[in-house]
PDB file of all heavy atoms in Angstrom:
ATOM      1  N   HIS A   1     165.627 133.653 124.356  1.00  0.00           N
ATOM      2  CA  HIS A   1     165.660 132.793 125.532  1.00  0.00           C
ATOM      3  C   HIS A   1     165.436 131.305 125.265  1.00  0.00           C
ATOM      4  O   HIS A   1     165.410 130.528 126.205  1.00  0.00           O
ATOM      5  CB  HIS A   1     164.631 133.278 126.559  1.00  0.00           C
ATOM      6  CG  HIS A   1     164.862 134.688 126.999  1.00  0.00           C
ATOM      7  ND1 HIS A   1     165.885 135.050 127.839  1.00  0.00           N
ATOM      8  CD2 HIS A   1     164.219 135.834 126.683  1.00  0.00           C
ATOM      9  CE1 HIS A   1     165.847 136.353 128.032  1.00  0.00           C
ATOM     10  NE2 HIS A   1     164.848 136.857 127.343  1.00  0.00           N
ATOM     11  N   THR A   2     165.235 130.915 124.033  1.00  0.00           N
ATOM     12  CA  THR A   2     165.040 129.494 123.764  1.00  0.00           C
ATOM     13  C   THR A   2     165.894 129.078 122.575  1.00  0.00           C
ATOM     14  O   THR A   2     166.446 129.910 121.869  1.00  0.00           O
ATOM     15  CB  THR A   2     163.567 129.159 123.424  1.00  0.00           C
ATOM     16  OG1 THR A   2     163.262 129.646 122.117  1.00  0.00           O
ATOM     17  CG2 THR A   2     162.604 129.738 124.432  1.00  0.00           C
ATOM     18  N   ARG A   3     165.951 127.806 122.360  1.00  0.00           N
ATOM     19  CA  ARG A   3     166.627 127.275 121.175  1.00  0.00           C
ATOM     20  C   ARG A   3     165.595 126.751 120.171  1.00  0.00           C
ATOM     21  O   ARG A   3     165.923 126.030 119.250  1.00  0.00           O
ATOM     22  CB  ARG A   3     167.585 126.151 121.581  1.00  0.00           C
ATOM     23  CG  ARG A   3     168.707 126.610 122.457  1.00  0.00           C
ATOM     24  CD  ARG A   3     169.678 125.467 122.698  1.00  0.00           C
ATOM     25  NE  ARG A   3     170.662 125.788 123.701  1.00  0.00           N
ATOM     26  CZ  ARG A   3     171.774 126.455 123.464  1.00  0.00           C
ATOM     27  NH1 ARG A   3     172.048 126.868 122.259  1.00  0.00           N
ATOM     28  NH2 ARG A   3     172.614 126.692 124.450  1.00  0.00           N
ATOM     29  N   PHE A   4     164.351 127.128 120.384  1.00  0.00           N
ATOM     30  CA  PHE A   4     163.277 126.655 119.529  1.00  0.00           C
ATOM     31  C   PHE A   4     163.380 127.318 118.164  1.00  0.00           C
ATOM     32  O   PHE A   4     163.610 128.519 118.074  1.00  0.00           O
ATOM     33  CB  PHE A   4     161.926 126.980 120.184  1.00  0.00           C
ATOM     34  CG  PHE A   4     160.806 126.125 119.691  1.00  0.00           C
ATOM     35  CD1 PHE A   4     160.652 124.827 120.148  1.00  0.00           C
ATOM     36  CD2 PHE A   4     159.912 126.600 118.750  1.00  0.00           C
ATOM     37  CE1 PHE A   4     159.633 124.034 119.694  1.00  0.00           C
ATOM     38  CE2 PHE A   4     158.892 125.812 118.281  1.00  0.00           C
ATOM     39  CZ  PHE A   4     158.744 124.521 118.764  1.00  0.00           C
ATOM     40  N   PRO A   5     163.217 126.549 117.096  1.00  0.00           N
ATOM     41  CA  PRO A   5     163.336 127.136 115.751  1.00  0.00           C
ATOM     42  C   PRO A   5     162.158 128.058 115.432  1.00  0.00           C
ATOM     43  O   PRO A   5     161.014 127.631 115.408  1.00  0.00           O
ATOM     44  CB  PRO A   5     163.346 125.920 114.831  1.00  0.00           C
ATOM     45  CG  PRO A   5     162.663 124.845 115.596  1.00  0.00           C
ATOM     46  CD  PRO A   5     162.949 125.121 117.050  1.00  0.00           C
ATOM     47  N   LEU A   6     162.441 129.309 115.219  1.00  0.00           N
ATOM     48  CA  LEU A   6     161.409 130.297 114.905  1.00  0.00           C
ATOM     49  C   LEU A   6     160.708 129.970 113.595  1.00  0.00           C
ATOM     50  O   LEU A   6     159.532 130.276 113.417  1.00  0.00           O
ATOM     51  CB  LEU A   6     162.049 131.684 114.842  1.00  0.00           C
ATOM     52  CG  LEU A   6     161.114 132.876 114.770  1.00  0.00           C
ATOM     53  CD1 LEU A   6     160.195 132.899 115.990  1.00  0.00           C
ATOM     54  CD2 LEU A   6     161.905 134.150 114.683  1.00  0.00           C
ATOM     55  N   GLY A   7     161.404 129.314 112.680  1.00  0.00           N
ATOM     56  CA  GLY A   7     160.832 128.980 111.383  1.00  0.00           C
ATOM     57  C   GLY A   7     159.576 128.138 111.486  1.00  0.00           C
ATOM     58  O   GLY A   7     158.679 128.259 110.651  1.00  0.00           O
ATOM     59  N   LEU A   8     159.468 127.297 112.496  1.00  0.00           N
ATOM     60  CA  LEU A   8     158.270 126.481 112.679  1.00  0.00           C
ATOM     61  C   LEU A   8     157.048 127.361 112.861  1.00  0.00           C
ATOM     62  O   LEU A   8     156.008 127.148 112.226  1.00  0.00           O
ATOM     63  CB  LEU A   8     158.435 125.545 113.879  1.00  0.00           C
ATOM     64  CG  LEU A   8     157.190 124.739 114.266  1.00  0.00           C
ATOM     65  CD1 LEU A   8     156.821 123.762 113.156  1.00  0.00           C
ATOM     66  CD2 LEU A   8     157.414 124.013 115.574  1.00  0.00           C
ATOM     67  N   TYR A   9     157.143 128.376 113.715  1.00  0.00           N
ATOM     68  CA  TYR A   9     156.020 129.285 113.945  1.00  0.00           C
ATOM     69  C   TYR A   9     155.679 130.075 112.682  1.00  0.00           C
ATOM     70  O   TYR A   9     154.512 130.316 112.389  1.00  0.00           O
ATOM     71  CB  TYR A   9     156.332 130.252 115.091  1.00  0.00           C
ATOM     72  CG  TYR A   9     156.341 129.593 116.442  1.00  0.00           C
ATOM     73  CD1 TYR A   9     157.395 129.798 117.314  1.00  0.00           C
ATOM     74  CD2 TYR A   9     155.303 128.768 116.854  1.00  0.00           C
ATOM     75  CE1 TYR A   9     157.416 129.209 118.560  1.00  0.00           C
ATOM     76  CE2 TYR A   9     155.317 128.167 118.098  1.00  0.00           C
ATOM     77  CZ  TYR A   9     156.375 128.392 118.953  1.00  0.00           C
ATOM     78  OH  TYR A   9     156.387 127.811 120.180  1.00  0.00           O
ATOM     79  N   GLU A  10     156.691 130.489 111.957  1.00  0.00           N
ATOM     80  CA  GLU A  10     156.451 131.244 110.724  1.00  0.00           C
ATOM     81  C   GLU A  10     155.766 130.368 109.676  1.00  0.00           C
ATOM     82  O   GLU A  10     154.852 130.822 108.986  1.00  0.00           O
ATOM     83  CB  GLU A  10     157.761 131.828 110.184  1.00  0.00           C
ATOM     84  CG  GLU A  10     158.394 132.857 111.101  1.00  0.00           C
ATOM     85  CD  GLU A  10     157.461 134.011 111.430  1.00  0.00           C
ATOM     86  OE1 GLU A  10     156.832 134.577 110.514  1.00  0.00           O
ATOM     87  OE2 GLU A  10     157.352 134.357 112.627  1.00  0.00           O
ATOM     88  N   ASN A  11     156.197 129.119 109.555  1.00  0.00           N
ATOM     89  CA  ASN A  11     155.555 128.200 108.608  1.00  0.00           C
ATOM     90  C   ASN A  11     154.105 127.935 108.992  1.00  0.00           C
ATOM     91  O   ASN A  11     153.227 127.871 108.126  1.00  0.00           O
ATOM     92  CB  ASN A  11     156.328 126.885 108.516  1.00  0.00           C
ATOM     93  CG  ASN A  11     157.609 127.024 107.730  1.00  0.00           C
ATOM     94  OD1 ASN A  11     157.726 127.878 106.856  1.00  0.00           O
ATOM     95  ND2 ASN A  11     158.580 126.201 108.048  1.00  0.00           N
ATOM     96  N   GLN A  12     153.841 127.769 110.286  1.00  0.00           N
ATOM     97  CA  GLN A  12     152.468 127.552 110.738  1.00  0.00           C
ATOM     98  C   GLN A  12     151.602 128.772 110.441  1.00  0.00           C
ATOM     99  O   GLN A  12     150.456 128.638 110.011  1.00  0.00           O
ATOM    100  CB  GLN A  12     152.441 127.240 112.235  1.00  0.00           C
ATOM    101  CG  GLN A  12     152.970 125.881 112.580  1.00  0.00           C
ATOM    102  CD  GLN A  12     153.020 125.633 114.078  1.00  0.00           C
ATOM    103  OE1 GLN A  12     152.950 126.547 114.891  1.00  0.00           O
ATOM    104  NE2 GLN A  12     153.137 124.357 114.445  1.00  0.00           N
ATOM    105  N   ALA A  13     152.139 129.967 110.652  1.00  0.00           N
ATOM    106  CA  ALA A  13     151.387 131.194 110.363  1.00  0.00           C
ATOM    107  C   ALA A  13     151.126 131.329 108.863  1.00  0.00           C
ATOM    108  O   ALA A  13     150.030 131.733 108.457  1.00  0.00           O
ATOM    109  CB  ALA A  13     152.133 132.409 110.899  1.00  0.00           C
ATOM    110  N   ASP A  14     152.107 130.970 108.037  1.00  0.00           N
ATOM    111  CA  ASP A  14     151.903 130.995 106.579  1.00  0.00           C
ATOM    112  C   ASP A  14     150.817 130.007 106.173  1.00  0.00           C
ATOM    113  O   ASP A  14     149.957 130.314 105.335  1.00  0.00           O
ATOM    114  CB  ASP A  14     153.203 130.644 105.846  1.00  0.00           C
ATOM    115  CG  ASP A  14     154.209 131.779 105.816  1.00  0.00           C
ATOM    116  OD1 ASP A  14     153.831 132.931 106.099  1.00  0.00           O
ATOM    117  OD2 ASP A  14     155.383 131.497 105.511  1.00  0.00           O
ATOM    118  N   GLU A  15     150.853 128.820 106.745  1.00  0.00           N
ATOM    119  CA  GLU A  15     149.859 127.800 106.429  1.00  0.00           C
ATOM    120  C   GLU A  15     148.460 128.261 106.829  1.00  0.00           C
ATOM    121  O   GLU A  15     147.507 128.150 106.055  1.00  0.00           O
ATOM    122  CB  GLU A  15     150.215 126.493 107.138  1.00  0.00           C
ATOM    123  CG  GLU A  15     149.271 125.351 106.832  1.00  0.00           C
ATOM    124  CD  GLU A  15     149.673 124.059 107.532  1.00  0.00           C
ATOM    125  OE1 GLU A  15     150.723 123.989 108.190  1.00  0.00           O
ATOM    126  OE2 GLU A  15     148.895 123.092 107.412  1.00  0.00           O
ATOM    127  N   PHE A  16     148.325 128.813 108.028  1.00  0.00           N
ATOM    128  CA  PHE A  16     147.043 129.320 108.508  1.00  0.00           C
ATOM    129  C   PHE A  16     146.524 130.414 107.576  1.00  0.00           C
ATOM    130  O   PHE A  16     145.356 130.415 107.182  1.00  0.00           O
ATOM    131  CB  PHE A  16     147.200 129.862 109.930  1.00  0.00           C
ATOM    132  CG  PHE A  16     145.923 130.363 110.550  1.00  0.00           C
ATOM    133  CD1 PHE A  16     145.176 129.534 111.362  1.00  0.00           C
ATOM    134  CD2 PHE A  16     145.485 131.658 110.337  1.00  0.00           C
ATOM    135  CE1 PHE A  16     144.002 129.985 111.952  1.00  0.00           C
ATOM    136  CE2 PHE A  16     144.320 132.120 110.913  1.00  0.00           C
ATOM    137  CZ  PHE A  16     143.572 131.283 111.729  1.00  0.00           C
ATOM    138  N   ALA A  17     147.392 131.364 107.224  1.00  0.00           N
ATOM    139  CA  ALA A  17     147.006 132.467 106.345  1.00  0.00           C
ATOM    140  C   ALA A  17     146.538 131.940 104.991  1.00  0.00           C
ATOM    141  O   ALA A  17     145.535 132.410 104.439  1.00  0.00           O
ATOM    142  CB  ALA A  17     148.174 133.436 106.169  1.00  0.00           C
ATOM    143  N   THR A  18     147.236 130.961 104.458  1.00  0.00           N
ATOM    144  CA  THR A  18     146.865 130.380 103.163  1.00  0.00           C
ATOM    145  C   THR A  18     145.483 129.733 103.239  1.00  0.00           C
ATOM    146  O   THR A  18     144.630 129.952 102.381  1.00  0.00           O
ATOM    147  CB  THR A  18     147.922 129.358 102.709  1.00  0.00           C
ATOM    148  OG1 THR A  18     149.179 130.031 102.589  1.00  0.00           O
ATOM    149  CG2 THR A  18     147.549 128.727 101.377  1.00  0.00           C
ATOM    150  N   TYR A  19     145.244 128.941 104.275  1.00  0.00           N
ATOM    151  CA  TYR A  19     143.937 128.293 104.421  1.00  0.00           C
ATOM    152  C   TYR A  19     142.826 129.311 104.677  1.00  0.00           C
ATOM    153  O   TYR A  19     141.718 129.171 104.149  1.00  0.00           O
ATOM    154  CB  TYR A  19     143.960 127.249 105.533  1.00  0.00           C
ATOM    155  CG  TYR A  19     144.664 125.978 105.148  1.00  0.00           C
ATOM    156  CD1 TYR A  19     145.662 125.444 105.946  1.00  0.00           C
ATOM    157  CD2 TYR A  19     144.343 125.302 103.976  1.00  0.00           C
ATOM    158  CE1 TYR A  19     146.310 124.276 105.600  1.00  0.00           C
ATOM    159  CE2 TYR A  19     144.995 124.135 103.616  1.00  0.00           C
ATOM    160  CZ  TYR A  19     145.969 123.623 104.438  1.00  0.00           C
ATOM    161  OH  TYR A  19     146.611 122.467 104.083  1.00  0.00           O
ATOM    162  N   LEU A  20     143.109 130.332 105.460  1.00  0.00           N
ATOM    163  CA  LEU A  20     142.085 131.343 105.731  1.00  0.00           C
ATOM    164  C   LEU A  20     141.708 132.087 104.453  1.00  0.00           C
ATOM    165  O   LEU A  20     140.525 132.258 104.151  1.00  0.00           O
ATOM    166  CB  LEU A  20     142.575 132.333 106.789  1.00  0.00           C
ATOM    167  CG  LEU A  20     141.589 133.452 107.134  1.00  0.00           C
ATOM    168  CD1 LEU A  20     140.317 132.884 107.766  1.00  0.00           C
ATOM    169  CD2 LEU A  20     142.243 134.466 108.066  1.00  0.00           C
ATOM    170  N   LEU A  21     142.695 132.512 103.697  1.00  0.00           N
ATOM    171  CA  LEU A  21     142.427 133.305 102.499  1.00  0.00           C
ATOM    172  C   LEU A  21     141.830 132.493 101.354  1.00  0.00           C
ATOM    173  O   LEU A  21     141.269 133.057 100.418  1.00  0.00           O
ATOM    174  CB  LEU A  21     143.705 134.011 102.042  1.00  0.00           C
ATOM    175  CG  LEU A  21     144.243 135.055 103.031  1.00  0.00           C
ATOM    176  CD1 LEU A  21     145.579 135.601 102.551  1.00  0.00           C
ATOM    177  CD2 LEU A  21     143.239 136.178 103.249  1.00  0.00           C
ATOM    178  N   THR A  22     141.940 131.175 101.421  1.00  0.00           N
ATOM    179  CA  THR A  22     141.325 130.332 100.382  1.00  0.00           C
ATOM    180  C   THR A  22     140.005 129.716 100.849  1.00  0.00           C
ATOM    181  O   THR A  22     139.348 129.034 100.067  1.00  0.00           O
ATOM    182  CB  THR A  22     142.278 129.191  99.948  1.00  0.00           C
ATOM    183  OG1 THR A  22     142.614 128.392 101.084  1.00  0.00           O
ATOM    184  CG2 THR A  22     143.529 129.731  99.293  1.00  0.00           C
ATOM    185  N   ALA A  23     139.610 129.974 102.080  1.00  0.00           N
ATOM    186  CA  ALA A  23     138.419 129.331 102.653  1.00  0.00           C
ATOM    187  C   ALA A  23     137.140 129.659 101.886  1.00  0.00           C
ATOM    188  O   ALA A  23     136.239 128.827 101.797  1.00  0.00           O
ATOM    189  CB  ALA A  23     138.258 129.720 104.115  1.00  0.00           C
ATOM    190  N   SER A  24     137.055 130.834 101.297  1.00  0.00           N
ATOM    191  CA  SER A  24     135.830 131.227 100.603  1.00  0.00           C
ATOM    192  C   SER A  24     135.884 130.938  99.101  1.00  0.00           C
ATOM    193  O   SER A  24     134.938 131.261  98.374  1.00  0.00           O
ATOM    194  CB  SER A  24     135.556 132.717 100.819  1.00  0.00           C
ATOM    195  OG  SER A  24     136.601 133.486 100.256  1.00  0.00           O
ATOM    196  N   GLU A  25     136.953 130.333  98.655  1.00  0.00           N
ATOM    197  CA  GLU A  25     137.134 130.082  97.220  1.00  0.00           C
ATOM    198  C   GLU A  25     137.164 128.585  96.919  1.00  0.00           C
ATOM    199  O   GLU A  25     137.690 127.806  97.695  1.00  0.00           O
ATOM    200  CB  GLU A  25     138.448 130.703  96.734  1.00  0.00           C
ATOM    201  CG  GLU A  25     138.516 132.196  96.889  1.00  0.00           C
ATOM    202  CD  GLU A  25     137.558 132.935  95.991  1.00  0.00           C
ATOM    203  OE1 GLU A  25     137.257 132.431  94.888  1.00  0.00           O
ATOM    204  OE2 GLU A  25     137.108 134.020  96.384  1.00  0.00           O
ATOM    205  N   GLU A  26     136.613 128.232  95.783  1.00  0.00           N
ATOM    206  CA  GLU A  26     136.688 126.859  95.290  1.00  0.00           C
ATOM    207  C   GLU A  26     137.738 126.813  94.189  1.00  0.00           C
ATOM    208  O   GLU A  26     137.732 127.641  93.285  1.00  0.00           O
ATOM    209  CB  GLU A  26     135.338 126.402  94.734  1.00  0.00           C
ATOM    210  CG  GLU A  26     134.277 126.185  95.788  1.00  0.00           C
ATOM    211  CD  GLU A  26     134.566 124.991  96.674  1.00  0.00           C
ATOM    212  OE1 GLU A  26     135.111 123.980  96.169  1.00  0.00           O
ATOM    213  OE2 GLU A  26     134.267 125.080  97.877  1.00  0.00           O
ATOM    214  N   ARG A  27     138.608 125.838  94.275  1.00  0.00           N
ATOM    215  CA  ARG A  27     139.630 125.671  93.240  1.00  0.00           C
ATOM    216  C   ARG A  27     139.020 124.921  92.069  1.00  0.00           C
ATOM    217  O   ARG A  27     138.356 123.897  92.242  1.00  0.00           O
ATOM    218  CB  ARG A  27     140.806 124.904  93.809  1.00  0.00           C
ATOM    219  CG  ARG A  27     141.953 124.774  92.846  1.00  0.00           C
ATOM    220  CD  ARG A  27     143.139 124.150  93.535  1.00  0.00           C
ATOM    221  NE  ARG A  27     144.214 123.940  92.580  1.00  0.00           N
ATOM    222  CZ  ARG A  27     145.319 123.310  92.858  1.00  0.00           C
ATOM    223  NH1 ARG A  27     145.519 122.841  94.072  1.00  0.00           N
ATOM    224  NH2 ARG A  27     146.242 123.137  91.951  1.00  0.00           N
ATOM    225  N   GLY A  28     139.239 125.434  90.861  1.00  0.00           N
ATOM    226  CA  GLY A  28     138.754 124.773  89.667  1.00  0.00           C
ATOM    227  C   GLY A  28     139.391 123.411  89.494  1.00  0.00           C
ATOM    228  O   GLY A  28     140.523 123.186  89.933  1.00  0.00           O
ATOM    229  N   ILE A  29     138.690 122.512  88.855  1.00  0.00           N
ATOM    230  CA  ILE A  29     139.166 121.136  88.682  1.00  0.00           C
ATOM    231  C   ILE A  29     140.552 121.087  88.047  1.00  0.00           C
ATOM    232  O   ILE A  29     141.433 120.394  88.523  1.00  0.00           O
ATOM    233  CB  ILE A  29     138.161 120.311  87.851  1.00  0.00           C
ATOM    234  CG1 ILE A  29     136.851 120.180  88.624  1.00  0.00           C
ATOM    235  CG2 ILE A  29     138.728 118.944  87.519  1.00  0.00           C
ATOM    236  CD1 ILE A  29     135.710 119.571  87.813  1.00  0.00           C
ATOM    237  N   ASP A  30     140.741 121.820  86.967  1.00  0.00           N
ATOM    238  CA  ASP A  30     142.030 121.816  86.274  1.00  0.00           C
ATOM    239  C   ASP A  30     142.824 123.103  86.509  1.00  0.00           C
ATOM    240  O   ASP A  30     143.781 123.373  85.777  1.00  0.00           O
ATOM    241  CB  ASP A  30     141.810 121.621  84.771  1.00  0.00           C
ATOM    242  CG  ASP A  30     141.247 120.244  84.451  1.00  0.00           C
ATOM    243  OD1 ASP A  30     141.581 119.293  85.183  1.00  0.00           O
ATOM    244  OD2 ASP A  30     140.480 120.126  83.481  1.00  0.00           O
ATOM    245  N   GLU A  31     142.430 123.871  87.507  1.00  0.00           N
ATOM    246  CA  GLU A  31     143.086 125.152  87.753  1.00  0.00           C
ATOM    247  C   GLU A  31     144.473 124.931  88.372  1.00  0.00           C
ATOM    248  O   GLU A  31     144.599 124.280  89.408  1.00  0.00           O
ATOM    249  CB  GLU A  31     142.233 126.000  88.711  1.00  0.00           C
ATOM    250  CG  GLU A  31     142.783 127.377  88.961  1.00  0.00           C
ATOM    251  CD  GLU A  31     141.874 128.222  89.836  1.00  0.00           C
ATOM    252  OE1 GLU A  31     141.021 127.647  90.563  1.00  0.00           O
ATOM    253  OE2 GLU A  31     142.023 129.442  89.804  1.00  0.00           O
ATOM    254  N   PRO A  32     145.507 125.466  87.744  1.00  0.00           N
ATOM    255  CA  PRO A  32     146.850 125.339  88.319  1.00  0.00           C
ATOM    256  C   PRO A  32     146.936 126.035  89.685  1.00  0.00           C
ATOM    257  O   PRO A  32     146.272 127.048  89.918  1.00  0.00           O
ATOM    258  CB  PRO A  32     147.745 126.051  87.297  1.00  0.00           C
ATOM    259  CG  PRO A  32     146.953 126.062  86.034  1.00  0.00           C
ATOM    260  CD  PRO A  32     145.519 126.137  86.450  1.00  0.00           C
ATOM    261  N   THR A  33     147.746 125.480  90.548  1.00  0.00           N
ATOM    262  CA  THR A  33     147.891 126.020  91.897  1.00  0.00           C
ATOM    263  C   THR A  33     148.283 127.494  91.866  1.00  0.00           C
ATOM    264  O   THR A  33     147.741 128.300  92.630  1.00  0.00           O
ATOM    265  CB  THR A  33     148.962 125.221  92.672  1.00  0.00           C
ATOM    266  OG1 THR A  33     148.561 123.848  92.723  1.00  0.00           O
ATOM    267  CG2 THR A  33     149.146 125.746  94.078  1.00  0.00           C
ATOM    268  N   GLU A  34     149.188 127.867  90.977  1.00  0.00           N
ATOM    269  CA  GLU A  34     149.650 129.250  90.905  1.00  0.00           C
ATOM    270  C   GLU A  34     148.504 130.203  90.575  1.00  0.00           C
ATOM    271  O   GLU A  34     148.423 131.299  91.120  1.00  0.00           O
ATOM    272  CB  GLU A  34     150.771 129.405  89.859  1.00  0.00           C
ATOM    273  CG  GLU A  34     152.046 128.681  90.219  1.00  0.00           C
ATOM    274  CD  GLU A  34     151.980 127.173  89.960  1.00  0.00           C
ATOM    275  OE1 GLU A  34     151.135 126.706  89.159  1.00  0.00           O
ATOM    276  OE2 GLU A  34     152.775 126.446  90.581  1.00  0.00           O
ATOM    277  N   TRP A  35     147.598 129.801  89.693  1.00  0.00           N
ATOM    278  CA  TRP A  35     146.451 130.631  89.332  1.00  0.00           C
ATOM    279  C   TRP A  35     145.501 130.771  90.508  1.00  0.00           C
ATOM    280  O   TRP A  35     144.978 131.844  90.775  1.00  0.00           O
ATOM    281  CB  TRP A  35     145.713 130.048  88.141  1.00  0.00           C
ATOM    282  CG  TRP A  35     146.482 130.059  86.852  1.00  0.00           C
ATOM    283  CD1 TRP A  35     147.792 130.427  86.662  1.00  0.00           C
ATOM    284  CD2 TRP A  35     145.994 129.676  85.584  1.00  0.00           C
ATOM    285  NE1 TRP A  35     148.138 130.279  85.350  1.00  0.00           N
ATOM    286  CE2 TRP A  35     147.052 129.825  84.654  1.00  0.00           C
ATOM    287  CE3 TRP A  35     144.768 129.207  85.121  1.00  0.00           C
ATOM    288  CZ2 TRP A  35     146.918 129.547  83.314  1.00  0.00           C
ATOM    289  CZ3 TRP A  35     144.632 128.929  83.782  1.00  0.00           C
ATOM    290  CH2 TRP A  35     145.693 129.089  82.880  1.00  0.00           C
ATOM    291  N   PHE A  36     145.258 129.652  91.184  1.00  0.00           N
ATOM    292  CA  PHE A  36     144.364 129.663  92.337  1.00  0.00           C
ATOM    293  C   PHE A  36     144.905 130.596  93.419  1.00  0.00           C
ATOM    294  O   PHE A  36     144.167 131.431  93.960  1.00  0.00           O
ATOM    295  CB  PHE A  36     144.202 128.242  92.878  1.00  0.00           C
ATOM    296  CG  PHE A  36     143.373 128.138  94.119  1.00  0.00           C
ATOM    297  CD1 PHE A  36     142.028 128.493  94.108  1.00  0.00           C
ATOM    298  CD2 PHE A  36     143.921 127.669  95.303  1.00  0.00           C
ATOM    299  CE1 PHE A  36     141.249 128.393  95.259  1.00  0.00           C
ATOM    300  CE2 PHE A  36     143.155 127.559  96.454  1.00  0.00           C
ATOM    301  CZ  PHE A  36     141.816 127.925  96.429  1.00  0.00           C
ATOM    302  N   LEU A  37     146.190 130.481  93.723  1.00  0.00           N
ATOM    303  CA  LEU A  37     146.783 131.337  94.738  1.00  0.00           C
ATOM    304  C   LEU A  37     146.743 132.804  94.318  1.00  0.00           C
ATOM    305  O   LEU A  37     146.419 133.675  95.132  1.00  0.00           O
ATOM    306  CB  LEU A  37     148.215 130.905  95.038  1.00  0.00           C
ATOM    307  CG  LEU A  37     148.375 129.542  95.695  1.00  0.00           C
ATOM    308  CD1 LEU A  37     149.853 129.192  95.861  1.00  0.00           C
ATOM    309  CD2 LEU A  37     147.665 129.487  97.032  1.00  0.00           C
ATOM    310  N   ALA A  38     147.048 133.087  93.068  1.00  0.00           N
ATOM    311  CA  ALA A  38     147.012 134.463  92.575  1.00  0.00           C
ATOM    312  C   ALA A  38     145.595 135.039  92.686  1.00  0.00           C
ATOM    313  O   ALA A  38     145.417 136.195  93.082  1.00  0.00           O
ATOM    314  CB  ALA A  38     147.505 134.521  91.133  1.00  0.00           C
ATOM    315  N   ARG A  39     144.618 134.225  92.360  1.00  0.00           N
ATOM    316  CA  ARG A  39     143.216 134.664  92.448  1.00  0.00           C
ATOM    317  C   ARG A  39     142.824 134.992  93.886  1.00  0.00           C
ATOM    318  O   ARG A  39     142.007 135.876  94.140  1.00  0.00           O
ATOM    319  CB  ARG A  39     142.311 133.565  91.876  1.00  0.00           C
ATOM    320  CG  ARG A  39     140.866 133.928  91.781  1.00  0.00           C
ATOM    321  CD  ARG A  39     140.090 132.998  90.856  1.00  0.00           C
ATOM    322  NE  ARG A  39     140.262 131.587  91.090  1.00  0.00           N
ATOM    323  CZ  ARG A  39     139.551 130.864  91.977  1.00  0.00           C
ATOM    324  NH1 ARG A  39     138.669 131.447  92.728  1.00  0.00           N
ATOM    325  NH2 ARG A  39     139.747 129.563  92.089  1.00  0.00           N
ATOM    326  N   CYS A  40     143.435 134.300  94.841  1.00  0.00           N
ATOM    327  CA  CYS A  40     143.139 134.506  96.262  1.00  0.00           C
ATOM    328  C   CYS A  40     144.070 135.536  96.910  1.00  0.00           C
ATOM    329  O   CYS A  40     143.938 135.818  98.103  1.00  0.00           O
ATOM    330  CB  CYS A  40     143.250 133.179  97.012  1.00  0.00           C
ATOM    331  SG  CYS A  40     142.039 131.954  96.484  1.00  0.00           S
ATOM    332  N   GLY A  41     145.023 136.072  96.144  1.00  0.00           N
ATOM    333  CA  GLY A  41     145.939 137.067  96.680  1.00  0.00           C
ATOM    334  C   GLY A  41     147.006 136.501  97.587  1.00  0.00           C
ATOM    335  O   GLY A  41     147.429 137.139  98.547  1.00  0.00           O
TER     336      GLY A  41
END
């Protein structure tokens, strides 16, 4: 019923999920992003 891009909502949900799942973890100073994300699932 709308012309609103669904991708915006999906990107926002991905962003929220990423921040929620990393909220309890500290990223190491030199830790690569891929390692940090893998460690957080």
